Amino acid sequence: MNNGKQIEKLVRLIQEALKDFPSTQIFSNYKITNNSGRKREIDVLLKTNINGYEIIIAIECKDYKTPIPVEKIEAFNSKCQRIKGISKKVFVATHGYQSDSYEAAKDFDIELYRLDEINIQDIIQWFPIKQLKARYLLKPPHGIAMEAEPEEIEKIPQDEELIIHFYDNTPSTTLSALLWNSVVVKHQRELKAGMIIDFMKNDSNLNYQTITPYSLDCTGIYILGENDKKINITGIKSAIVSWLEEEPAKIINARNYKKANNETIANVITIDAEKNEFADIVMTGENDIKVFHTNEKGQVFQLQTLFEYNSKTDKLIDKRNKNEG
């Protein structure tokens, strides 16, 4: 994501965290028709209803390496003047404004904000964020069911480097690679969910290991026995050992969102969650923290606490409807 789009995204998330009314809608790169019938793009647009009146707020975002010149303020005002219904105009810049830009903004009734970079080391000192990394290990021995006589099976070394072949001409692989892709990769979300529940049940003990048994039905695969005889594998039973490790958060961006008079409105921290996914933490007050997740498709979701574990009753509390189960 280029810096310009990143700034637009952060401004939108900050507005999501700040919004006072559930009905408020927030859009990025919103196309809106002007008085000439042409579509003009607003970087971030807010729509809400107050006492039956529609309120529309237009936000312009600029990631310039130098202070914003007055021409950009005038151009934004001109664009908004030719669009019906805009109630409020906001301009956000990453490196401040030229002196004449402040005067023009007052004349045009445009609110000016800054989105300044924060030193990541400073963030780590006053907000020591940690990430939990999931670790997995294939637990031997692996119970392999084969279509062969017992004496033939005894001669086969059933270790993780055992070569697995496929009748459909898929490239051969090792037993460990087959199990890893078929169990760990395919069911990573379920494995991680079980790990987190065990983590909560055991007082956030990072040394606790979750053991998850599995049974893998196998069709169309075989190994080679003596004299290259094909021996079909019908199933594998074993277990996965998993645990969590704590590591420093991979902070890739930190910004301070403030008014032109230096009044801080919010701080936002972006963390690399791996696999092209990101977490954005927006802090609008000492105890007002909201977390947003961006998946590998670029879709953004606000994270909410859905369940809590009650150690006294050994039950999960569904925070959505306050039920225990």
Protein backbone atom coordinates (compact mmCIF):
# COMPACT_ATOMS: atom_id res chain seq x y z
CA MET A 1 0.00 0.00 0.00
CA ASN A 2 1.46 3.38 -1.00
CA ASN A 3 1.83 6.10 1.63
CA GLY A 4 -1.08 8.14 0.31
CA LYS A 5 -3.52 5.23 0.54
CA GLN A 6 -2.08 4.27 3.93
CA ILE A 7 -2.85 7.74 5.30
CA GLU A 8 -6.41 7.60 3.93
CA LYS A 9 -6.88 4.20 5.58
CA LEU A 10 -5.60 5.44 8.95
CA VAL A 11 -7.83 8.51 8.85
CA ARG A 12 -10.83 6.31 8.11
CA LEU A 13 -10.01 3.97 11.01
CA ILE A 14 -9.56 6.92 13.36
CA GLN A 15 -12.97 8.21 12.32
CA GLU A 16 -14.44 4.73 12.89
CA ALA A 17 -12.97 4.77 16.41
CA LEU A 18 -14.25 8.30 17.09
CA LYS A 19 -17.77 8.04 15.70
CA ASP A 20 -20.52 8.82 18.20
CA PHE A 21 -23.50 7.35 16.36
CA PRO A 22 -23.84 3.70 15.25
CA SER A 23 -25.66 4.87 12.13
CA THR A 24 -22.63 6.84 10.93
CA GLN A 25 -21.26 5.52 7.64
CA ILE A 26 -17.61 6.06 6.70
CA PHE A 27 -16.34 5.59 3.15
CA SER A 28 -12.91 5.66 1.50
CA ASN A 29 -12.35 7.11 -1.99
CA TYR A 30 -16.04 7.97 -2.23
CA LYS A 31 -17.35 9.08 -5.64
CA ILE A 32 -19.97 11.84 -5.33
CA THR A 33 -21.75 13.84 -8.02
CA ASN A 34 -21.08 17.58 -8.25
CA ASN A 35 -23.30 20.34 -9.68
CA SER A 36 -22.15 19.54 -13.23
CA GLY A 37 -23.18 15.90 -12.90
CA ARG A 38 -19.58 14.71 -12.77
CA LYS A 39 -18.23 12.27 -10.20
CA ARG A 40 -15.63 13.73 -7.85
CA GLU A 41 -13.65 11.63 -5.38
CA ILE A 42 -13.54 12.38 -1.65
CA ASP A 43 -10.69 10.63 0.19
CA VAL A 44 -12.79 9.91 3.29
CA LEU A 45 -16.48 10.77 3.57
CA LEU A 46 -18.73 10.51 6.62
CA LYS A 47 -22.52 10.36 6.48
CA THR A 48 -24.75 10.48 9.53
CA ASN A 49 -28.21 11.60 10.65
CA ILE A 50 -28.85 13.90 13.60
CA ASN A 51 -32.49 14.68 14.49
CA GLY A 52 -33.55 13.89 10.94
CA TYR A 53 -30.88 16.03 9.30
CA GLU A 54 -28.25 14.40 7.11
CA ILE A 55 -24.69 15.46 7.95
CA ILE A 56 -21.95 14.93 5.35
CA ILE A 57 -18.29 15.48 6.23
CA ALA A 58 -15.63 15.51 3.51
CA ILE A 59 -12.01 14.77 4.45
CA GLU A 60 -9.04 15.41 2.18
CA CYS A 61 -5.80 13.51 2.98
CA LYS A 62 -2.37 14.52 1.69
CA ASP A 63 0.90 12.71 2.39
CA TYR A 64 3.31 15.41 1.21
CA LYS A 65 6.93 15.65 2.30
CA THR A 66 6.56 19.43 2.69
CA PRO A 67 3.88 21.66 4.30
CA ILE A 68 0.64 21.95 2.34
CA PRO A 69 0.56 25.07 0.11
CA VAL A 70 -2.48 27.33 0.03
CA GLU A 71 -3.37 26.14 -3.49
CA LYS A 72 -4.29 22.70 -2.14
CA ILE A 73 -6.62 24.24 0.47
CA GLU A 74 -8.26 26.40 -2.21
CA ALA A 75 -8.66 23.42 -4.56
CA PHE A 76 -10.31 21.32 -1.84
CA ASN A 77 -12.67 24.14 -0.95
CA SER A 78 -13.58 24.64 -4.62
CA LYS A 79 -14.31 20.92 -5.02
CA CYS A 80 -16.58 20.91 -1.94
CA GLN A 81 -18.42 24.09 -2.98
CA ARG A 82 -19.62 22.35 -6.14
CA ILE A 83 -21.03 19.37 -4.22
CA LYS A 84 -24.44 19.76 -2.60
CA GLY A 85 -24.95 18.75 0.99
CA ILE A 86 -21.42 18.87 2.43
CA SER A 87 -21.78 20.10 6.00
CA LYS A 88 -18.16 20.12 7.11
CA LYS A 89 -14.73 20.15 5.47
CA VAL A 90 -11.60 18.62 7.01
CA PHE A 91 -8.04 18.57 5.67
CA VAL A 92 -5.40 16.13 6.99
CA ALA A 93 -1.69 16.48 6.20
CA THR A 94 1.40 14.58 7.30
CA HIS A 95 3.85 17.50 7.34
CA GLY A 96 1.81 20.51 8.35
CA TYR A 97 0.73 23.60 6.42
CA GLN A 98 2.21 26.78 5.03
CA SER A 99 1.25 29.95 6.91
CA ASP A 100 -1.14 31.19 4.21
CA SER A 101 -2.87 27.79 4.26
CA TYR A 102 -3.96 28.40 7.86
CA GLU A 103 -5.51 31.75 6.88
CA ALA A 104 -7.26 30.25 3.87
CA ALA A 105 -8.64 27.40 5.98
CA LYS A 106 -10.16 29.93 8.39
CA ASP A 107 -11.78 31.83 5.51
CA PHE A 108 -13.19 28.63 4.00
CA ASP A 109 -14.21 27.12 7.36
CA ILE A 110 -11.96 24.08 6.84
CA GLU A 111 -10.67 22.25 9.91
CA LEU A 112 -6.97 21.39 9.70
CA TYR A 113 -5.43 18.25 11.19
CA ARG A 114 -2.01 16.62 11.16
CA LEU A 115 -1.04 12.97 11.15
CA ASP A 116 2.52 13.07 12.45
CA GLU A 117 4.88 10.12 12.61
CA ILE A 118 5.80 8.82 16.07
CA ASN A 119 9.17 7.26 16.79
CA ILE A 120 8.52 3.51 17.03
CA GLN A 121 11.01 3.15 19.90
CA ASP A 122 9.00 5.70 21.88
CA ILE A 123 5.87 3.63 21.26
CA ILE A 124 7.57 0.49 22.59
CA GLN A 125 8.61 2.31 25.77
CA TRP A 126 5.21 3.72 26.73
CA PHE A 127 3.03 1.02 25.20
CA PRO A 128 4.91 -2.31 25.35
CA ILE A 129 2.87 -4.33 22.86
CA LYS A 130 3.59 -8.03 22.57
CA GLN A 131 2.46 -10.52 19.95
CA LEU A 132 1.68 -14.18 20.55
CA LYS A 133 3.18 -16.45 17.92
CA ALA A 134 1.69 -19.90 17.39
CA ARG A 135 4.14 -22.79 17.18
CA TYR A 136 3.38 -26.31 15.96
CA LEU A 137 5.16 -29.65 16.11
CA LEU A 138 4.21 -32.99 14.60
CA LYS A 139 4.07 -35.51 17.46
CA PRO A 140 5.53 -38.93 16.59
CA PRO A 141 4.99 -41.81 16.34
CA HIS A 142 2.52 -41.63 13.47
CA GLY A 143 0.07 -44.49 13.23
CA ILE A 144 0.01 -45.37 9.54
CA ALA A 145 -2.63 -47.79 8.29
CA MET A 146 -1.44 -49.74 5.23
CA GLU A 147 -2.82 -52.37 2.91
CA ALA A 148 0.00 -54.85 3.45
CA GLU A 149 0.99 -57.94 5.38
CA PRO A 150 2.38 -57.39 8.91
CA GLU A 151 5.84 -58.62 7.91
CA GLU A 152 5.92 -56.12 5.03
CA ILE A 153 4.90 -53.24 7.32
CA GLU A 154 7.64 -54.12 9.81
CA LYS A 155 10.30 -53.52 7.16
CA ILE A 156 9.08 -49.99 6.38
CA PRO A 157 10.79 -47.18 8.37
CA GLN A 158 7.82 -45.14 9.59
CA ASP A 159 9.62 -41.87 10.20
CA GLU A 160 8.82 -38.33 9.05
CA GLU A 161 11.14 -38.60 6.04
CA LEU A 162 9.15 -41.52 4.62
CA ILE A 163 8.47 -40.73 0.94
CA ILE A 164 4.80 -40.53 -0.04
CA HIS A 165 3.73 -41.07 -3.66
CA PHE A 166 0.46 -40.16 -5.41
CA TYR A 167 -1.44 -42.12 -8.03
CA ASP A 168 -2.55 -38.88 -9.75
CA ASN A 169 1.09 -37.99 -10.50
CA THR A 170 1.25 -35.23 -7.87
CA PRO A 171 4.95 -34.79 -7.03
CA SER A 172 6.13 -37.10 -4.26
CA THR A 173 6.66 -35.62 -0.81
CA THR A 174 7.72 -36.62 2.68
CA LEU A 175 5.35 -37.83 5.37
CA SER A 176 6.07 -34.73 7.47
CA ALA A 177 5.25 -32.39 4.57
CA LEU A 178 2.01 -34.28 3.86
CA LEU A 179 0.91 -34.07 7.49
CA TRP A 180 1.96 -30.44 7.84
CA ASN A 181 -0.01 -29.31 4.80
CA SER A 182 -3.03 -31.55 5.43
CA VAL A 183 -3.39 -30.89 9.16
CA VAL A 184 -1.48 -27.82 10.36
CA VAL A 185 -1.87 -25.50 7.35
CA LYS A 186 -5.42 -26.56 6.50
CA HIS A 187 -6.74 -26.40 10.08
CA GLN A 188 -4.60 -23.60 11.49
CA ARG A 189 -7.56 -21.50 12.64
CA GLU A 190 -9.11 -24.38 14.60
CA LEU A 191 -5.76 -25.31 16.12
CA LYS A 192 -5.10 -21.72 17.15
CA ALA A 193 -8.59 -21.39 18.69
CA GLY A 194 -7.99 -24.48 20.85
CA MET A 195 -4.59 -23.13 21.85
CA ILE A 196 -6.01 -19.79 22.95
CA ILE A 197 -8.73 -21.46 25.03
CA ASP A 198 -6.10 -23.62 26.76
CA PHE A 199 -3.95 -20.49 27.21
CA MET A 200 -6.80 -18.73 29.03
CA LYS A 201 -7.66 -21.80 31.10
CA ASN A 202 -4.08 -22.12 32.29
CA ASP A 203 -3.66 -18.53 33.53
CA SER A 204 -1.94 -17.31 30.35
CA ASN A 205 0.87 -19.81 30.85
CA LEU A 206 3.14 -19.63 27.81
CA ASN A 207 4.73 -22.95 28.72
CA TYR A 208 1.44 -24.84 28.35
CA GLN A 209 1.28 -27.17 25.37
CA THR A 210 -1.93 -28.17 23.62
CA ILE A 211 -2.03 -31.67 22.16
CA THR A 212 -4.57 -32.10 19.38
CA PRO A 213 -5.13 -35.66 18.08
CA TYR A 214 -6.18 -36.10 14.48
CA SER A 215 -7.18 -38.83 12.07
CA LEU A 216 -6.35 -38.35 8.40
CA ASP A 217 -8.21 -40.39 5.82
CA CYS A 218 -5.94 -41.16 2.87
CA THR A 219 -6.90 -42.16 -0.63
CA GLY A 220 -4.77 -42.27 -3.74
CA ILE A 221 -1.41 -42.38 -1.97
CA TYR A 222 1.15 -45.12 -1.50
CA ILE A 223 4.70 -45.88 -0.42
CA LEU A 224 7.26 -48.22 -1.92
CA GLY A 225 8.11 -51.40 -0.03
CA GLU A 226 10.64 -54.09 -0.87
CA ASN A 227 11.39 -54.41 -4.58
CA ASP A 228 9.48 -51.16 -5.14
CA LYS A 229 6.16 -52.77 -4.36
CA LYS A 230 3.36 -50.20 -4.09
CA ILE A 231 1.72 -50.28 -0.67
CA ASN A 232 -1.45 -48.22 -0.27
CA ILE A 233 -1.89 -45.97 2.77
CA THR A 234 -5.50 -45.78 3.98
CA GLY A 235 -5.15 -43.52 7.01
CA ILE A 236 -2.84 -41.84 9.51
CA LYS A 237 -3.47 -41.18 13.20
CA SER A 238 -1.27 -38.95 15.29
CA ALA A 239 -1.28 -35.60 17.12
CA ILE A 240 -0.11 -32.00 16.84
CA VAL A 241 1.68 -30.31 19.73
CA SER A 242 1.10 -26.54 19.76
CA TRP A 243 2.00 -23.66 22.05
CA LEU A 244 2.27 -19.88 22.10
CA GLU A 245 5.43 -17.82 22.27
CA GLU A 246 5.61 -14.14 23.15
CA GLU A 247 7.63 -11.86 20.91
CA PRO A 248 8.00 -8.10 20.38
CA ALA A 249 5.32 -6.58 18.21
CA LYS A 250 6.34 -5.85 14.61
CA ILE A 251 5.33 -2.18 14.58
CA ILE A 252 5.59 -0.83 11.05
CA ASN A 253 3.90 2.55 11.49
CA ALA A 254 2.86 4.89 14.31
CA ARG A 255 1.00 8.17 13.91
CA ASN A 256 -0.30 10.96 16.12
CA TYR A 257 -3.56 12.53 14.91
CA LYS A 258 -3.91 16.12 16.11
CA LYS A 259 -5.59 19.40 15.36
CA ALA A 260 -3.63 22.27 13.92
CA ASN A 261 -3.36 23.70 17.47
CA ASN A 262 -1.48 20.49 18.52
CA GLU A 263 -4.40 19.06 20.50
CA THR A 264 -4.02 15.28 20.22
CA ILE A 265 -7.17 13.49 19.08
CA ALA A 266 -5.85 9.94 18.66
CA ASN A 267 -2.79 7.76 18.27
CA VAL A 268 -2.74 4.89 15.79
CA ILE A 269 -0.23 2.03 15.62
CA THR A 270 0.02 -0.43 12.72
CA ILE A 271 1.37 -3.91 13.43
CA ASP A 272 2.44 -6.52 10.89
CA ALA A 273 0.32 -9.59 11.60
CA GLU A 274 2.12 -11.56 8.83
CA LYS A 275 0.74 -13.11 5.64
CA ASN A 276 -0.12 -9.63 4.29
CA GLU A 277 -2.40 -8.98 7.26
CA PHE A 278 -2.24 -6.02 9.63
CA ALA A 279 -3.60 -4.87 12.98
CA ASP A 280 -4.29 -1.18 13.60
CA ILE A 281 -4.63 -0.05 17.22
CA VAL A 282 -6.45 3.28 17.59
CA MET A 283 -6.21 4.99 20.98
CA THR A 284 -8.59 7.92 21.45
CA GLY A 285 -8.20 8.10 25.23
CA GLU A 286 -6.37 6.47 28.12
CA ASN A 287 -8.82 3.57 28.29
CA ASP A 288 -10.45 3.91 24.89
CA ILE A 289 -8.67 1.51 22.56
CA LYS A 290 -10.10 -0.04 19.41
CA VAL A 291 -8.40 -2.64 17.23
CA PHE A 292 -8.96 -3.13 13.51
CA HIS A 293 -7.78 -6.08 11.42
CA THR A 294 -6.90 -5.89 7.73
CA ASN A 295 -6.92 -9.30 6.04
CA GLU A 296 -4.85 -10.39 3.04
CA LYS A 297 -7.63 -9.18 0.69
CA GLY A 298 -7.44 -5.66 2.13
CA GLN A 299 -10.79 -5.95 3.94
CA VAL A 300 -10.91 -4.16 7.29
CA PHE A 301 -12.85 -5.36 10.35
CA GLN A 302 -13.10 -3.95 13.85
CA LEU A 303 -12.17 -6.62 16.39
CA GLN A 304 -14.50 -7.21 19.32
CA THR A 305 -14.39 -9.47 22.35
CA LEU A 306 -16.81 -12.28 21.55
CA PHE A 307 -15.97 -14.70 24.39
CA GLU A 308 -14.37 -14.59 27.81
CA TYR A 309 -13.29 -17.56 29.90
CA ASN A 310 -14.66 -17.84 33.45
CA SER A 311 -12.09 -19.82 35.45
CA LYS A 312 -14.50 -20.26 38.38
CA THR A 313 -17.15 -22.02 36.31
CA ASP A 314 -14.78 -23.39 33.62
CA LYS A 315 -17.09 -21.96 30.97
CA LEU A 316 -16.86 -19.54 28.09
CA ILE A 317 -18.98 -16.39 28.38
CA ASP A 318 -20.56 -15.30 25.13
CA LYS A 319 -20.16 -11.50 25.26
CA ARG A 320 -22.64 -11.08 22.43
CA ASN A 321 -25.64 -12.14 24.53
CA LYS A 322 -24.07 -12.58 28.00
CA ASN A 323 -24.71 -16.31 28.03
CA GLU A 324 -22.37 -18.92 29.46
CA GLY A 325 -21.77 -22.21 27.73
